[in-house]
């Protein structure tokens, strides 16, 4: 239920705050960084995932559609906010993985989760940095577009990461985990279907 509410809130936020985000993005980047410090909805990266979902779903709409026309101008800013929130989440969990490694060889599931987290972190850094206009303007248009294609494997790996975290609990009968798997599957699989259809 929390995931659904946060996702709905992220969509409402994107629509309601379009003008202030565009006119003063630094204030919203600061807000995202503050949320990192306060650990608000950070432990499960729910808010960051919801904002990334908004960013990704903008791409399934035709460029001349109302949704795309309204939200495309702040797509980069929403992405940077999600990026900042994700960095805090990554810092917390990568440090916990490092602690596990310090005690000896990790279990298979921990090793897989760590490898996936490192891949996500690498993609996150590249995509986040190139979302800033100051970086984008210094890159060749074709190069920037190729780099942004990394958003697709990143989004797919996020789904795999979520499943690795949630499915064991869901299989043991955990109702919150089962609900989360169902909702995330609708969001991620739904995106894949719509994006392929759009292409």
Foldseek 3Di string as FASTA:
>chain_A
DVLVVLLVVLVVCLQVCVVVCLVCLVVLLVVLLVCLVVVPVLQLLSNLLSLLLLLLLLLLDPCPDPSVVRRVSCSLSSNLSSLSSVVSNLVVVLVVLVVQVVVDDHDPLSVVLNVLSVVLVVLSVQLNVCSDPVNVVVDDPVVSVVSNVSSVVNLVSVLVSLCSVQVVCVVVPDPVSVVVNVVSCCSSVVSVVSNVVSD
